[in-house]
Amino acid sequence: MRLFILAAAAAALLLLQVSAAGAVRTEPLLGGWHPIKNLSDPYVREIAEFAVKARNDQAKTGLVLEKVVKGETQVVAGMNYRLVVEVKDGTNTKSFEALVWDKPWEHSRRLSSFKAVKGKA
């Protein structure tokens, strides 16, 4: 009887795995990067402005945000935003990739990195 129960459980598990393998996954995987669909979203703009201001404060520069060119999010203990931004540096336009960690429920935000995009800055 035990052998029958074990065999039935194994068959059920195999059936579940096969069924799940054929299913189309619609929700994002935790930890993966996902494109931001609306780069004009005011919250995305706020994150970009934060990144440029934090960079200006750290490096004593006067960069001015022009626009967000590309963006991705990653769910962590909060949200990572990886944004490619165009900024004015005097009369020159430059592109940078900014990584911002945001935890809005704790009113916490941190610029993790801000680096020139190759061939653009």
PDB file of N, CA and C in Angstrom:
ATOM      1  N   MET A   1       0.822  -1.195   0.000  1.00  0.00           N
ATOM      2  CA  MET A   1       0.000   0.000   0.000  1.00  0.00           C
ATOM      3  C   MET A   1       0.865   1.257   0.000  1.00  0.00           C
ATOM      4  N   ARG A   2       1.956   1.255   0.812  1.00  0.00           N
ATOM      5  CA  ARG A   2       2.853   2.417   0.843  1.00  0.00           C
ATOM      6  C   ARG A   2       3.477   2.663  -0.521  1.00  0.00           C
ATOM      7  N   LEU A   3       3.868   1.619  -1.180  1.00  0.00           N
ATOM      8  CA  LEU A   3       4.477   1.754  -2.493  1.00  0.00           C
ATOM      9  C   LEU A   3       3.505   2.387  -3.476  1.00  0.00           C
ATOM     10  N   PHE A   4       2.235   2.005  -3.390  1.00  0.00           N
ATOM     11  CA  PHE A   4       1.221   2.583  -4.261  1.00  0.00           C
ATOM     12  C   PHE A   4       1.059   4.083  -3.982  1.00  0.00           C
ATOM     13  N   ILE A   5       1.039   4.476  -2.708  1.00  0.00           N
ATOM     14  CA  ILE A   5       0.884   5.881  -2.337  1.00  0.00           C
ATOM     15  C   ILE A   5       2.085   6.688  -2.828  1.00  0.00           C
ATOM     16  N   LEU A   6       3.292   6.135  -2.652  1.00  0.00           N
ATOM     17  CA  LEU A   6       4.498   6.819  -3.126  1.00  0.00           C
ATOM     18  C   LEU A   6       4.484   6.970  -4.642  1.00  0.00           C
ATOM     19  N   ALA A   7       4.083   5.927  -5.346  1.00  0.00           N
ATOM     20  CA  ALA A   7       4.026   5.989  -6.805  1.00  0.00           C
ATOM     21  C   ALA A   7       2.983   7.012  -7.262  1.00  0.00           C
ATOM     22  N   ALA A   8       1.846   7.061  -6.582  1.00  0.00           N
ATOM     23  CA  ALA A   8       0.800   8.021  -6.936  1.00  0.00           C
ATOM     24  C   ALA A   8       1.268   9.452  -6.670  1.00  0.00           C
ATOM     25  N   ALA A   9       1.969   9.648  -5.557  1.00  0.00           N
ATOM     26  CA  ALA A   9       2.486  10.985  -5.238  1.00  0.00           C
ATOM     27  C   ALA A   9       3.529  11.417  -6.266  1.00  0.00           C
ATOM     28  N   ALA A  10       4.413  10.502  -6.654  1.00  0.00           N
ATOM     29  CA  ALA A  10       5.433  10.824  -7.653  1.00  0.00           C
ATOM     30  C   ALA A  10       4.789  11.156  -8.997  1.00  0.00           C
ATOM     31  N   ALA A  11       3.764  10.414  -9.373  1.00  0.00           N
ATOM     32  CA  ALA A  11       3.073  10.681 -10.639  1.00  0.00           C
ATOM     33  C   ALA A  11       2.376  12.042 -10.598  1.00  0.00           C
ATOM     34  N   ALA A  12       1.772  12.365  -9.474  1.00  0.00           N
ATOM     35  CA  ALA A  12       1.097  13.657  -9.343  1.00  0.00           C
ATOM     36  C   ALA A  12       2.108  14.797  -9.425  1.00  0.00           C
ATOM     37  N   LEU A  13       3.254  14.627  -8.772  1.00  0.00           N
ATOM     38  CA  LEU A  13       4.306  15.644  -8.810  1.00  0.00           C
ATOM     39  C   LEU A  13       4.823  15.824 -10.234  1.00  0.00           C
ATOM     40  N   LEU A  14       5.046  14.733 -10.932  1.00  0.00           N
ATOM     41  CA  LEU A  14       5.506  14.802 -12.319  1.00  0.00           C
ATOM     42  C   LEU A  14       4.474  15.515 -13.186  1.00  0.00           C
ATOM     43  N   LEU A  15       3.202  15.217 -12.995  1.00  0.00           N
ATOM     44  CA  LEU A  15       2.139  15.861 -13.762  1.00  0.00           C
ATOM     45  C   LEU A  15       2.114  17.362 -13.491  1.00  0.00           C
ATOM     46  N   LEU A  16       2.289  17.758 -12.227  1.00  0.00           N
ATOM     47  CA  LEU A  16       2.331  19.181 -11.895  1.00  0.00           C
ATOM     48  C   LEU A  16       3.515  19.867 -12.555  1.00  0.00           C
ATOM     49  N   GLN A  17       4.669  19.221 -12.558  1.00  0.00           N
ATOM     50  CA  GLN A  17       5.854  19.818 -13.175  1.00  0.00           C
ATOM     51  C   GLN A  17       5.670  19.975 -14.681  1.00  0.00           C
ATOM     52  N   VAL A  18       5.103  18.974 -15.325  1.00  0.00           N
ATOM     53  CA  VAL A  18       4.869  19.049 -16.767  1.00  0.00           C
ATOM     54  C   VAL A  18       3.856  20.147 -17.068  1.00  0.00           C
ATOM     55  N   SER A  19       2.795  20.236 -16.279  1.00  0.00           N
ATOM     56  CA  SER A  19       1.781  21.271 -16.488  1.00  0.00           C
ATOM     57  C   SER A  19       2.374  22.664 -16.299  1.00  0.00           C
ATOM     58  N   ALA A  20       3.190  22.823 -15.263  1.00  0.00           N
ATOM     59  CA  ALA A  20       3.797  24.126 -14.989  1.00  0.00           C
ATOM     60  C   ALA A  20       4.782  24.509 -16.085  1.00  0.00           C
ATOM     61  N   ALA A  21       5.482  23.538 -16.632  1.00  0.00           N
ATOM     62  CA  ALA A  21       6.467  23.827 -17.677  1.00  0.00           C
ATOM     63  C   ALA A  21       5.792  24.369 -18.929  1.00  0.00           C
ATOM     64  N   GLY A  22       4.564  23.952 -19.197  1.00  0.00           N
ATOM     65  CA  GLY A  22       3.861  24.418 -20.384  1.00  0.00           C
ATOM     66  C   GLY A  22       3.130  25.734 -20.170  1.00  0.00           C
ATOM     67  N   ALA A  23       3.030  26.162 -18.938  1.00  0.00           N
ATOM     68  CA  ALA A  23       2.303  27.397 -18.640  1.00  0.00           C
ATOM     69  C   ALA A  23       3.129  28.611 -19.035  1.00  0.00           C
ATOM     70  N   VAL A  24       2.452  29.650 -19.466  1.00  0.00           N
ATOM     71  CA  VAL A  24       3.118  30.901 -19.806  1.00  0.00           C
ATOM     72  C   VAL A  24       3.171  31.748 -18.551  1.00  0.00           C
ATOM     73  N   ARG A  25       4.354  32.190 -18.196  1.00  0.00           N
ATOM     74  CA  ARG A  25       4.552  32.994 -16.991  1.00  0.00           C
ATOM     75  C   ARG A  25       4.279  34.454 -17.332  1.00  0.00           C
ATOM     76  N   THR A  26       3.352  35.074 -16.596  1.00  0.00           N
ATOM     77  CA  THR A  26       3.002  36.462 -16.884  1.00  0.00           C
ATOM     78  C   THR A  26       3.554  37.439 -15.862  1.00  0.00           C
ATOM     79  N   GLU A  27       3.790  37.003 -14.628  1.00  0.00           N
ATOM     80  CA  GLU A  27       4.305  37.925 -13.620  1.00  0.00           C
ATOM     81  C   GLU A  27       5.830  37.968 -13.694  1.00  0.00           C
ATOM     82  N   PRO A  28       6.442  39.104 -13.331  1.00  0.00           N
ATOM     83  CA  PRO A  28       7.893  39.206 -13.387  1.00  0.00           C
ATOM     84  C   PRO A  28       8.546  38.340 -12.323  1.00  0.00           C
ATOM     85  N   LEU A  29       9.711  37.823 -12.626  1.00  0.00           N
ATOM     86  CA  LEU A  29      10.486  37.073 -11.646  1.00  0.00           C
ATOM     87  C   LEU A  29      11.134  38.042 -10.677  1.00  0.00           C
ATOM     88  N   LEU A  30      11.095  37.716  -9.404  1.00  0.00           N
ATOM     89  CA  LEU A  30      11.756  38.550  -8.413  1.00  0.00           C
ATOM     90  C   LEU A  30      13.251  38.541  -8.674  1.00  0.00           C
ATOM     91  N   GLY A  31      13.867  39.698  -8.557  1.00  0.00           N
ATOM     92  CA  GLY A  31      15.308  39.792  -8.742  1.00  0.00           C
ATOM     93  C   GLY A  31      15.747  40.067 -10.163  1.00  0.00           C
ATOM     94  N   GLY A  32      14.887  39.847 -11.147  1.00  0.00           N
ATOM     95  CA  GLY A  32      15.256  40.107 -12.534  1.00  0.00           C
ATOM     96  C   GLY A  32      14.989  41.564 -12.905  1.00  0.00           C
ATOM     97  N   TRP A  33      15.640  42.026 -13.957  1.00  0.00           N
ATOM     98  CA  TRP A  33      15.441  43.393 -14.443  1.00  0.00           C
ATOM     99  C   TRP A  33      14.301  43.401 -15.449  1.00  0.00           C
ATOM    100  N   HIS A  34      13.422  44.417 -15.331  1.00  0.00           N
ATOM    101  CA  HIS A  34      12.264  44.527 -16.208  1.00  0.00           C
ATOM    102  C   HIS A  34      12.164  45.946 -16.755  1.00  0.00           C
ATOM    103  N   PRO A  35      11.932  46.093 -18.065  1.00  0.00           N
ATOM    104  CA  PRO A  35      11.880  47.426 -18.675  1.00  0.00           C
ATOM    105  C   PRO A  35      10.768  48.288 -18.081  1.00  0.00           C
ATOM    106  N   ILE A  36      11.046  49.565 -17.966  1.00  0.00           N
ATOM    107  CA  ILE A  36      10.024  50.523 -17.553  1.00  0.00           C
ATOM    108  C   ILE A  36       9.245  50.897 -18.806  1.00  0.00           C
ATOM    109  N   LYS A  37       7.951  50.691 -18.775  1.00  0.00           N
ATOM    110  CA  LYS A  37       7.128  50.930 -19.955  1.00  0.00           C
ATOM    111  C   LYS A  37       6.894  52.411 -20.216  1.00  0.00           C
ATOM    112  N   ASN A  38       6.759  53.198 -19.149  1.00  0.00           N
ATOM    113  CA  ASN A  38       6.459  54.622 -19.316  1.00  0.00           C
ATOM    114  C   ASN A  38       7.592  55.464 -18.729  1.00  0.00           C
ATOM    115  N   LEU A  39       8.541  55.843 -19.571  1.00  0.00           N
ATOM    116  CA  LEU A  39       9.684  56.640 -19.110  1.00  0.00           C
ATOM    117  C   LEU A  39       9.280  58.059 -18.736  1.00  0.00           C
ATOM    118  N   SER A  40       8.064  58.470 -19.117  1.00  0.00           N
ATOM    119  CA  SER A  40       7.569  59.809 -18.780  1.00  0.00           C
ATOM    120  C   SER A  40       6.845  59.841 -17.441  1.00  0.00           C
ATOM    121  N   ASP A  41       6.722  58.699 -16.796  1.00  0.00           N
ATOM    122  CA  ASP A  41       6.040  58.634 -15.502  1.00  0.00           C
ATOM    123  C   ASP A  41       6.696  59.608 -14.523  1.00  0.00           C
ATOM    124  N   PRO A  42       5.911  60.414 -13.819  1.00  0.00           N
ATOM    125  CA  PRO A  42       6.484  61.398 -12.893  1.00  0.00           C
ATOM    126  C   PRO A  42       7.384  60.778 -11.821  1.00  0.00           C
ATOM    127  N   TYR A  43       7.079  59.559 -11.381  1.00  0.00           N
ATOM    128  CA  TYR A  43       7.919  58.927 -10.366  1.00  0.00           C
ATOM    129  C   TYR A  43       9.285  58.554 -10.941  1.00  0.00           C
ATOM    130  N   VAL A  44       9.299  58.088 -12.183  1.00  0.00           N
ATOM    131  CA  VAL A  44      10.574  57.778 -12.850  1.00  0.00           C
ATOM    132  C   VAL A  44      11.396  59.056 -12.987  1.00  0.00           C
ATOM    133  N   ARG A  45      10.742  60.141 -13.372  1.00  0.00           N
ATOM    134  CA  ARG A  45      11.426  61.439 -13.470  1.00  0.00           C
ATOM    135  C   ARG A  45      11.990  61.870 -12.110  1.00  0.00           C
ATOM    136  N   GLU A  46      11.221  61.647 -11.060  1.00  0.00           N
ATOM    137  CA  GLU A  46      11.676  61.986  -9.703  1.00  0.00           C
ATOM    138  C   GLU A  46      12.929  61.188  -9.324  1.00  0.00           C
ATOM    139  N   ILE A  47      12.943  59.909  -9.671  1.00  0.00           N
ATOM    140  CA  ILE A  47      14.118  59.066  -9.390  1.00  0.00           C
ATOM    141  C   ILE A  47      15.321  59.594 -10.176  1.00  0.00           C
ATOM    142  N   ALA A  48      15.113  59.942 -11.448  1.00  0.00           N
ATOM    143  CA  ALA A  48      16.203  60.463 -12.285  1.00  0.00           C
ATOM    144  C   ALA A  48      16.727  61.784 -11.728  1.00  0.00           C
ATOM    145  N   GLU A  49      15.825  62.664 -11.323  1.00  0.00           N
ATOM    146  CA  GLU A  49      16.246  63.949 -10.750  1.00  0.00           C
ATOM    147  C   GLU A  49      17.034  63.732  -9.456  1.00  0.00           C
ATOM    148  N   PHE A  50      16.593  62.779  -8.655  1.00  0.00           N
ATOM    149  CA  PHE A  50      17.333  62.445  -7.438  1.00  0.00           C
ATOM    150  C   PHE A  50      18.752  62.004  -7.784  1.00  0.00           C
ATOM    151  N   ALA A  51      18.876  61.140  -8.796  1.00  0.00           N
ATOM    152  CA  ALA A  51      20.198  60.617  -9.185  1.00  0.00           C
ATOM    153  C   ALA A  51      21.131  61.749  -9.613  1.00  0.00           C
ATOM    154  N   VAL A  52      20.632  62.649 -10.437  1.00  0.00           N
ATOM    155  CA  VAL A  52      21.469  63.753 -10.924  1.00  0.00           C
ATOM    156  C   VAL A  52      21.843  64.690  -9.779  1.00  0.00           C
ATOM    157  N   LYS A  53      20.898  64.990  -8.901  1.00  0.00           N
ATOM    158  CA  LYS A  53      21.192  65.862  -7.756  1.00  0.00           C
ATOM    159  C   LYS A  53      22.225  65.210  -6.828  1.00  0.00           C
ATOM    160  N   ALA A  54      22.046  63.918  -6.558  1.00  0.00           N
ATOM    161  CA  ALA A  54      22.998  63.217  -5.689  1.00  0.00           C
ATOM    162  C   ALA A  54      24.395  63.210  -6.314  1.00  0.00           C
ATOM    163  N   ARG A  55      24.463  63.008  -7.624  1.00  0.00           N
ATOM    164  CA  ARG A  55      25.758  63.042  -8.321  1.00  0.00           C
ATOM    165  C   ARG A  55      26.377  64.439  -8.229  1.00  0.00           C
ATOM    166  N   ASN A  56      25.565  65.459  -8.450  1.00  0.00           N
ATOM    167  CA  ASN A  56      26.058  66.833  -8.346  1.00  0.00           C
ATOM    168  C   ASN A  56      26.606  67.116  -6.947  1.00  0.00           C
ATOM    169  N   ASP A  57      25.899  66.644  -5.930  1.00  0.00           N
ATOM    170  CA  ASP A  57      26.349  66.857  -4.549  1.00  0.00           C
ATOM    171  C   ASP A  57      27.660  66.126  -4.271  1.00  0.00           C
ATOM    172  N   GLN A  58      27.787  64.897  -4.781  1.00  0.00           N
ATOM    173  CA  GLN A  58      28.994  64.091  -4.542  1.00  0.00           C
ATOM    174  C   GLN A  58      30.196  64.620  -5.300  1.00  0.00           C
ATOM    175  N   ALA A  59      29.996  64.941  -6.574  1.00  0.00           N
ATOM    176  CA  ALA A  59      31.118  65.291  -7.449  1.00  0.00           C
ATOM    177  C   ALA A  59      31.295  66.794  -7.635  1.00  0.00           C
ATOM    178  N   LYS A  60      30.443  67.579  -6.979  1.00  0.00           N
ATOM    179  CA  LYS A  60      30.506  69.048  -7.112  1.00  0.00           C
ATOM    180  C   LYS A  60      30.422  69.468  -8.578  1.00  0.00           C
ATOM    181  N   THR A  61      29.436  68.880  -9.287  1.00  0.00           N
ATOM    182  CA  THR A  61      29.203  69.206 -10.696  1.00  0.00           C
ATOM    183  C   THR A  61      27.892  69.963 -10.822  1.00  0.00           C
ATOM    184  N   GLY A  62      27.580  70.398 -12.023  1.00  0.00           N
ATOM    185  CA  GLY A  62      26.345  71.142 -12.267  1.00  0.00           C
ATOM    186  C   GLY A  62      25.516  70.520 -13.371  1.00  0.00           C
ATOM    187  N   LEU A  63      25.400  69.191 -13.358  1.00  0.00           N
ATOM    188  CA  LEU A  63      24.624  68.511 -14.395  1.00  0.00           C
ATOM    189  C   LEU A  63      23.144  68.857 -14.268  1.00  0.00           C
ATOM    190  N   VAL A  64      22.465  68.953 -15.416  1.00  0.00           N
ATOM    191  CA  VAL A  64      21.033  69.244 -15.446  1.00  0.00           C
ATOM    192  C   VAL A  64      20.350  68.139 -16.245  1.00  0.00           C
ATOM    193  N   LEU A  65      19.358  67.501 -15.635  1.00  0.00           N
ATOM    194  CA  LEU A  65      18.641  66.416 -16.291  1.00  0.00           C
ATOM    195  C   LEU A  65      17.871  66.929 -17.506  1.00  0.00           C
ATOM    196  N   GLU A  66      18.071  66.279 -18.630  1.00  0.00           N
ATOM    197  CA  GLU A  66      17.301  66.565 -19.840  1.00  0.00           C
ATOM    198  C   GLU A  66      16.160  65.562 -19.993  1.00  0.00           C
ATOM    199  N   LYS A  67      16.509  64.254 -20.021  1.00  0.00           N
ATOM    200  CA  LYS A  67      15.463  63.244 -20.182  1.00  0.00           C
ATOM    201  C   LYS A  67      15.975  61.873 -19.766  1.00  0.00           C
ATOM    202  N   VAL A  68      15.011  60.986 -19.535  1.00  0.00           N
ATOM    203  CA  VAL A  68      15.300  59.579 -19.272  1.00  0.00           C
ATOM    204  C   VAL A  68      15.198  58.856 -20.609  1.00  0.00           C
ATOM    205  N   VAL A  69      16.276  58.207 -21.014  1.00  0.00           N
ATOM    206  CA  VAL A  69      16.338  57.547 -22.319  1.00  0.00           C
ATOM    207  C   VAL A  69      15.903  56.088 -22.233  1.00  0.00           C
ATOM    208  N   LYS A  70      16.242  55.439 -21.121  1.00  0.00           N
ATOM    209  CA  LYS A  70      15.968  54.010 -20.955  1.00  0.00           C
ATOM    210  C   LYS A  70      15.860  53.741 -19.469  1.00  0.00           C
ATOM    211  N   GLY A  71      15.072  52.740 -19.103  1.00  0.00           N
ATOM    212  CA  GLY A  71      14.960  52.420 -17.687  1.00  0.00           C
ATOM    213  C   GLY A  71      14.511  50.994 -17.446  1.00  0.00           C
ATOM    214  N   GLU A  72      14.995  50.453 -16.328  1.00  0.00           N
ATOM    215  CA  GLU A  72      14.621  49.117 -15.891  1.00  0.00           C
ATOM    216  C   GLU A  72      14.453  49.143 -14.379  1.00  0.00           C
ATOM    217  N   THR A  73      13.627  48.232 -13.886  1.00  0.00           N
ATOM    218  CA  THR A  73      13.453  48.087 -12.445  1.00  0.00           C
ATOM    219  C   THR A  73      13.789  46.664 -12.031  1.00  0.00           C
ATOM    220  N   GLN A  74      14.155  46.535 -10.757  1.00  0.00           N
ATOM    221  CA  GLN A  74      14.470  45.240 -10.173  1.00  0.00           C
ATOM    222  C   GLN A  74      13.908  45.239  -8.753  1.00  0.00           C
ATOM    223  N   VAL A  75      13.078  44.239  -8.460  1.00  0.00           N
ATOM    224  CA  VAL A  75      12.526  44.114  -7.119  1.00  0.00           C
ATOM    225  C   VAL A  75      13.590  43.486  -6.223  1.00  0.00           C
ATOM    226  N   VAL A  76      13.930  44.204  -5.162  1.00  0.00           N
ATOM    227  CA  VAL A  76      14.861  43.720  -4.139  1.00  0.00           C
ATOM    228  C   VAL A  76      14.183  44.021  -2.802  1.00  0.00           C
ATOM    229  N   ALA A  77      14.914  44.324  -1.767  1.00  0.00           N
ATOM    230  CA  ALA A  77      14.300  44.797  -0.517  1.00  0.00           C
ATOM    231  C   ALA A  77      13.999  46.273  -0.740  1.00  0.00           C
ATOM    232  N   GLY A  78      13.065  46.537  -1.620  1.00  0.00           N
ATOM    233  CA  GLY A  78      12.780  47.854  -2.150  1.00  0.00           C
ATOM    234  C   GLY A  78      12.771  47.709  -3.661  1.00  0.00           C
ATOM    235  N   MET A  79      13.208  48.736  -4.362  1.00  0.00           N
ATOM    236  CA  MET A  79      13.243  48.686  -5.824  1.00  0.00           C
ATOM    237  C   MET A  79      14.523  49.338  -6.319  1.00  0.00           C
ATOM    238  N   ASN A  80      15.223  48.649  -7.211  1.00  0.00           N
ATOM    239  CA  ASN A  80      16.356  49.250  -7.913  1.00  0.00           C
ATOM    240  C   ASN A  80      15.841  49.821  -9.227  1.00  0.00           C
ATOM    241  N   TYR A  81      16.318  51.011  -9.539  1.00  0.00           N
ATOM    242  CA  TYR A  81      16.032  51.647 -10.830  1.00  0.00           C
ATOM    243  C   TYR A  81      17.358  51.815 -11.546  1.00  0.00           C
ATOM    244  N   ARG A  82      17.460  51.251 -12.735  1.00  0.00           N
ATOM    245  CA  ARG A  82      18.637  51.441 -13.584  1.00  0.00           C
ATOM    246  C   ARG A  82      18.179  52.304 -14.753  1.00  0.00           C
ATOM    247  N   LEU A  83      18.622  53.555 -14.739  1.00  0.00           N
ATOM    248  CA  LEU A  83      18.160  54.532 -15.723  1.00  0.00           C
ATOM    249  C   LEU A  83      19.319  55.047 -16.554  1.00  0.00           C
ATOM    250  N   VAL A  84      19.104  55.172 -17.851  1.00  0.00           N
ATOM    251  CA  VAL A  84      20.043  55.891 -18.712  1.00  0.00           C
ATOM    252  C   VAL A  84      19.436  57.276 -18.888  1.00  0.00           C
ATOM    253  N   VAL A  85      20.209  58.283 -18.480  1.00  0.00           N
ATOM    254  CA  VAL A  85      19.722  59.663 -18.523  1.00  0.00           C
ATOM    255  C   VAL A  85      20.618  60.511 -19.404  1.00  0.00           C
ATOM    256  N   GLU A  86      20.008  61.483 -20.068  1.00  0.00           N
ATOM    257  CA  GLU A  86      20.761  62.499 -20.790  1.00  0.00           C
ATOM    258  C   GLU A  86      20.767  63.746 -19.929  1.00  0.00           C
ATOM    259  N   VAL A  87      21.959  64.327 -19.773  1.00  0.00           N
ATOM    260  CA  VAL A  87      22.102  65.527 -18.955  1.00  0.00           C
ATOM    261  C   VAL A  87      22.878  66.580 -19.731  1.00  0.00           C
ATOM    262  N   LYS A  88      22.661  67.821 -19.346  1.00  0.00           N
ATOM    263  CA  LYS A  88      23.457  68.930 -19.876  1.00  0.00           C
ATOM    264  C   LYS A  88      24.588  69.190 -18.897  1.00  0.00           C
ATOM    265  N   ASP A  89      25.787  69.287 -19.444  1.00  0.00           N
ATOM    266  CA  ASP A  89      26.966  69.676 -18.672  1.00  0.00           C
ATOM    267  C   ASP A  89      27.496  70.920 -19.369  1.00  0.00           C
ATOM    268  N   GLY A  90      26.973  72.059 -18.956  1.00  0.00           N
ATOM    269  CA  GLY A  90      27.276  73.292 -19.691  1.00  0.00           C
ATOM    270  C   GLY A  90      26.533  73.250 -21.005  1.00  0.00           C
ATOM    271  N   THR A  91      27.278  73.282 -22.109  1.00  0.00           N
ATOM    272  CA  THR A  91      26.647  73.218 -23.427  1.00  0.00           C
ATOM    273  C   THR A  91      26.665  71.802 -24.007  1.00  0.00           C
ATOM    274  N   ASN A  92      27.341  70.885 -23.335  1.00  0.00           N
ATOM    275  CA  ASN A  92      27.460  69.504 -23.819  1.00  0.00           C
ATOM    276  C   ASN A  92      26.343  68.625 -23.272  1.00  0.00           C
ATOM    277  N   THR A  93      25.847  67.720 -24.122  1.00  0.00           N
ATOM    278  CA  THR A  93      24.895  66.707 -23.679  1.00  0.00           C
ATOM    279  C   THR A  93      25.660  65.413 -23.459  1.00  0.00           C
ATOM    280  N   LYS A  94      25.444  64.804 -22.307  1.00  0.00           N
ATOM    281  CA  LYS A  94      26.127  63.557 -21.952  1.00  0.00           C
ATOM    282  C   LYS A  94      25.102  62.537 -21.480  1.00  0.00           C
ATOM    283  N   SER A  95      25.470  61.255 -21.607  1.00  0.00           N
ATOM    284  CA  SER A  95      24.597  60.169 -21.143  1.00  0.00           C
ATOM    285  C   SER A  95      25.267  59.414 -20.011  1.00  0.00           C
ATOM    286  N   PHE A  96      24.480  59.091 -19.015  1.00  0.00           N
ATOM    287  CA  PHE A  96      24.960  58.347 -17.857  1.00  0.00           C
ATOM    288  C   PHE A  96      23.965  57.256 -17.506  1.00  0.00           C
ATOM    289  N   GLU A  97      24.487  56.191 -16.908  1.00  0.00           N
ATOM    290  CA  GLU A  97      23.631  55.157 -16.337  1.00  0.00           C
ATOM    291  C   GLU A  97      23.646  55.348 -14.834  1.00  0.00           C
ATOM    292  N   ALA A  98      22.467  55.551 -14.271  1.00  0.00           N
ATOM    293  CA  ALA A  98      22.324  55.750 -12.828  1.00  0.00           C
ATOM    294  C   ALA A  98      21.608  54.548 -12.229  1.00  0.00           C
ATOM    295  N   LEU A  99      22.109  54.079 -11.092  1.00  0.00           N
ATOM    296  CA  LEU A  99      21.458  53.008 -10.349  1.00  0.00           C
ATOM    297  C   LEU A  99      21.015  53.576  -9.012  1.00  0.00           C
ATOM    298  N   VAL A 100      19.704  53.582  -8.806  1.00  0.00           N
ATOM    299  CA  VAL A 100      19.125  54.144  -7.579  1.00  0.00           C
ATOM    300  C   VAL A 100      18.341  53.052  -6.869  1.00  0.00           C
ATOM    301  N   TRP A 101      18.604  52.904  -5.582  1.00  0.00           N
ATOM    302  CA  TRP A 101      17.839  51.994  -4.738  1.00  0.00           C
ATOM    303  C   TRP A 101      16.793  52.821  -4.007  1.00  0.00           C
ATOM    304  N   ASP A 102      15.534  52.406  -4.093  1.00  0.00           N
ATOM    305  CA  ASP A 102      14.425  53.175  -3.542  1.00  0.00           C
ATOM    306  C   ASP A 102      13.590  52.289  -2.624  1.00  0.00           C
ATOM    307  N   LYS A 103      13.290  52.804  -1.440  1.00  0.00           N
ATOM    308  CA  LYS A 103      12.436  52.122  -0.475  1.00  0.00           C
ATOM    309  C   LYS A 103      11.424  53.159   0.027  1.00  0.00           C
ATOM    310  N   PRO A 104      10.390  53.443  -0.777  1.00  0.00           N
ATOM    311  CA  PRO A 104       9.497  54.561  -0.490  1.00  0.00           C
ATOM    312  C   PRO A 104       8.746  54.461   0.832  1.00  0.00           C
ATOM    313  N   TRP A 105       8.419  53.266   1.287  1.00  0.00           N
ATOM    314  CA  TRP A 105       7.671  53.136   2.538  1.00  0.00           C
ATOM    315  C   TRP A 105       8.517  53.515   3.750  1.00  0.00           C
ATOM    316  N   GLU A 106       9.836  53.598   3.560  1.00  0.00           N
ATOM    317  CA  GLU A 106      10.728  54.071   4.622  1.00  0.00           C
ATOM    318  C   GLU A 106      11.314  55.448   4.286  1.00  0.00           C
ATOM    319  N   HIS A 107      10.839  56.034   3.204  1.00  0.00           N
ATOM    320  CA  HIS A 107      11.353  57.328   2.730  1.00  0.00           C
ATOM    321  C   HIS A 107      12.873  57.278   2.600  1.00  0.00           C
ATOM    322  N   SER A 108      13.352  56.196   1.986  1.00  0.00           N
ATOM    323  CA  SER A 108      14.788  55.976   1.848  1.00  0.00           C
ATOM    324  C   SER A 108      15.136  55.793   0.371  1.00  0.00           C
ATOM    325  N   ARG A 109      16.192  56.460  -0.041  1.00  0.00           N
ATOM    326  CA  ARG A 109      16.633  56.408  -1.442  1.00  0.00           C
ATOM    327  C   ARG A 109      18.145  56.600  -1.443  1.00  0.00           C
ATOM    328  N   ARG A 110      18.844  55.844  -2.308  1.00  0.00           N
ATOM    329  CA  ARG A 110      20.299  55.941  -2.356  1.00  0.00           C
ATOM    330  C   ARG A 110      20.796  55.792  -3.796  1.00  0.00           C
ATOM    331  N   LEU A 111      21.737  56.648  -4.172  1.00  0.00           N
ATOM    332  CA  LEU A 111      22.401  56.519  -5.469  1.00  0.00           C
ATOM    333  C   LEU A 111      23.509  55.496  -5.306  1.00  0.00           C
ATOM    334  N   SER A 112      23.385  54.358  -5.988  1.00  0.00           N
ATOM    335  CA  SER A 112      24.374  53.290  -5.892  1.00  0.00           C
ATOM    336  C   SER A 112      25.515  53.467  -6.873  1.00  0.00           C
ATOM    337  N   SER A 113      25.195  53.966  -8.070  1.00  0.00           N
ATOM    338  CA  SER A 113      26.253  54.238  -9.049  1.00  0.00           C
ATOM    339  C   SER A 113      25.741  55.246 -10.073  1.00  0.00           C
ATOM    340  N   PHE A 114      26.709  55.914 -10.689  1.00  0.00           N
ATOM    341  CA  PHE A 114      26.419  56.922 -11.723  1.00  0.00           C
ATOM    342  C   PHE A 114      27.626  56.932 -12.634  1.00  0.00           C
ATOM    343  N   LYS A 115      27.493  56.274 -13.788  1.00  0.00           N
ATOM    344  CA  LYS A 115      28.657  56.147 -14.666  1.00  0.00           C
ATOM    345  C   LYS A 115      28.329  56.533 -16.098  1.00  0.00           C
ATOM    346  N   ALA A 116      29.342  57.036 -16.768  1.00  0.00           N
ATOM    347  CA  ALA A 116      29.184  57.462 -18.163  1.00  0.00           C
ATOM    348  C   ALA A 116      28.849  56.266 -19.035  1.00  0.00           C
ATOM    349  N   VAL A 117      27.948  56.492 -19.990  1.00  0.00           N
ATOM    350  CA  VAL A 117      27.624  55.470 -20.978  1.00  0.00           C
ATOM    351  C   VAL A 117      28.682  55.565 -22.062  1.00  0.00           C
ATOM    352  N   LYS A 118      29.312  54.457 -22.385  1.00  0.00           N
ATOM    353  CA  LYS A 118      30.411  54.449 -23.365  1.00  0.00           C
ATOM    354  C   LYS A 118      29.993  55.083 -24.675  1.00  0.00           C
ATOM    355  N   GLY A 119      30.867  55.959 -25.167  1.00  0.00           N
ATOM    356  CA  GLY A 119      30.644  56.616 -26.456  1.00  0.00           C
ATOM    357  C   GLY A 119      29.650  57.760 -26.408  1.00  0.00           C
ATOM    358  N   LYS A 120      29.083  58.039 -25.223  1.00  0.00           N
ATOM    359  CA  LYS A 120      28.065  59.075 -25.125  1.00  0.00           C
ATOM    360  C   LYS A 120      28.477  60.219 -24.223  1.00  0.00           C
ATOM    361  N   ALA A 121      29.420  59.990 -23.339  1.00  0.00           N
ATOM    362  CA  ALA A 121      29.761  61.064 -22.386  1.00  0.00           C
ATOM    363  C   ALA A 121      31.222  61.430 -22.468  1.00  0.00           C
TER     364      ALA A 121
END
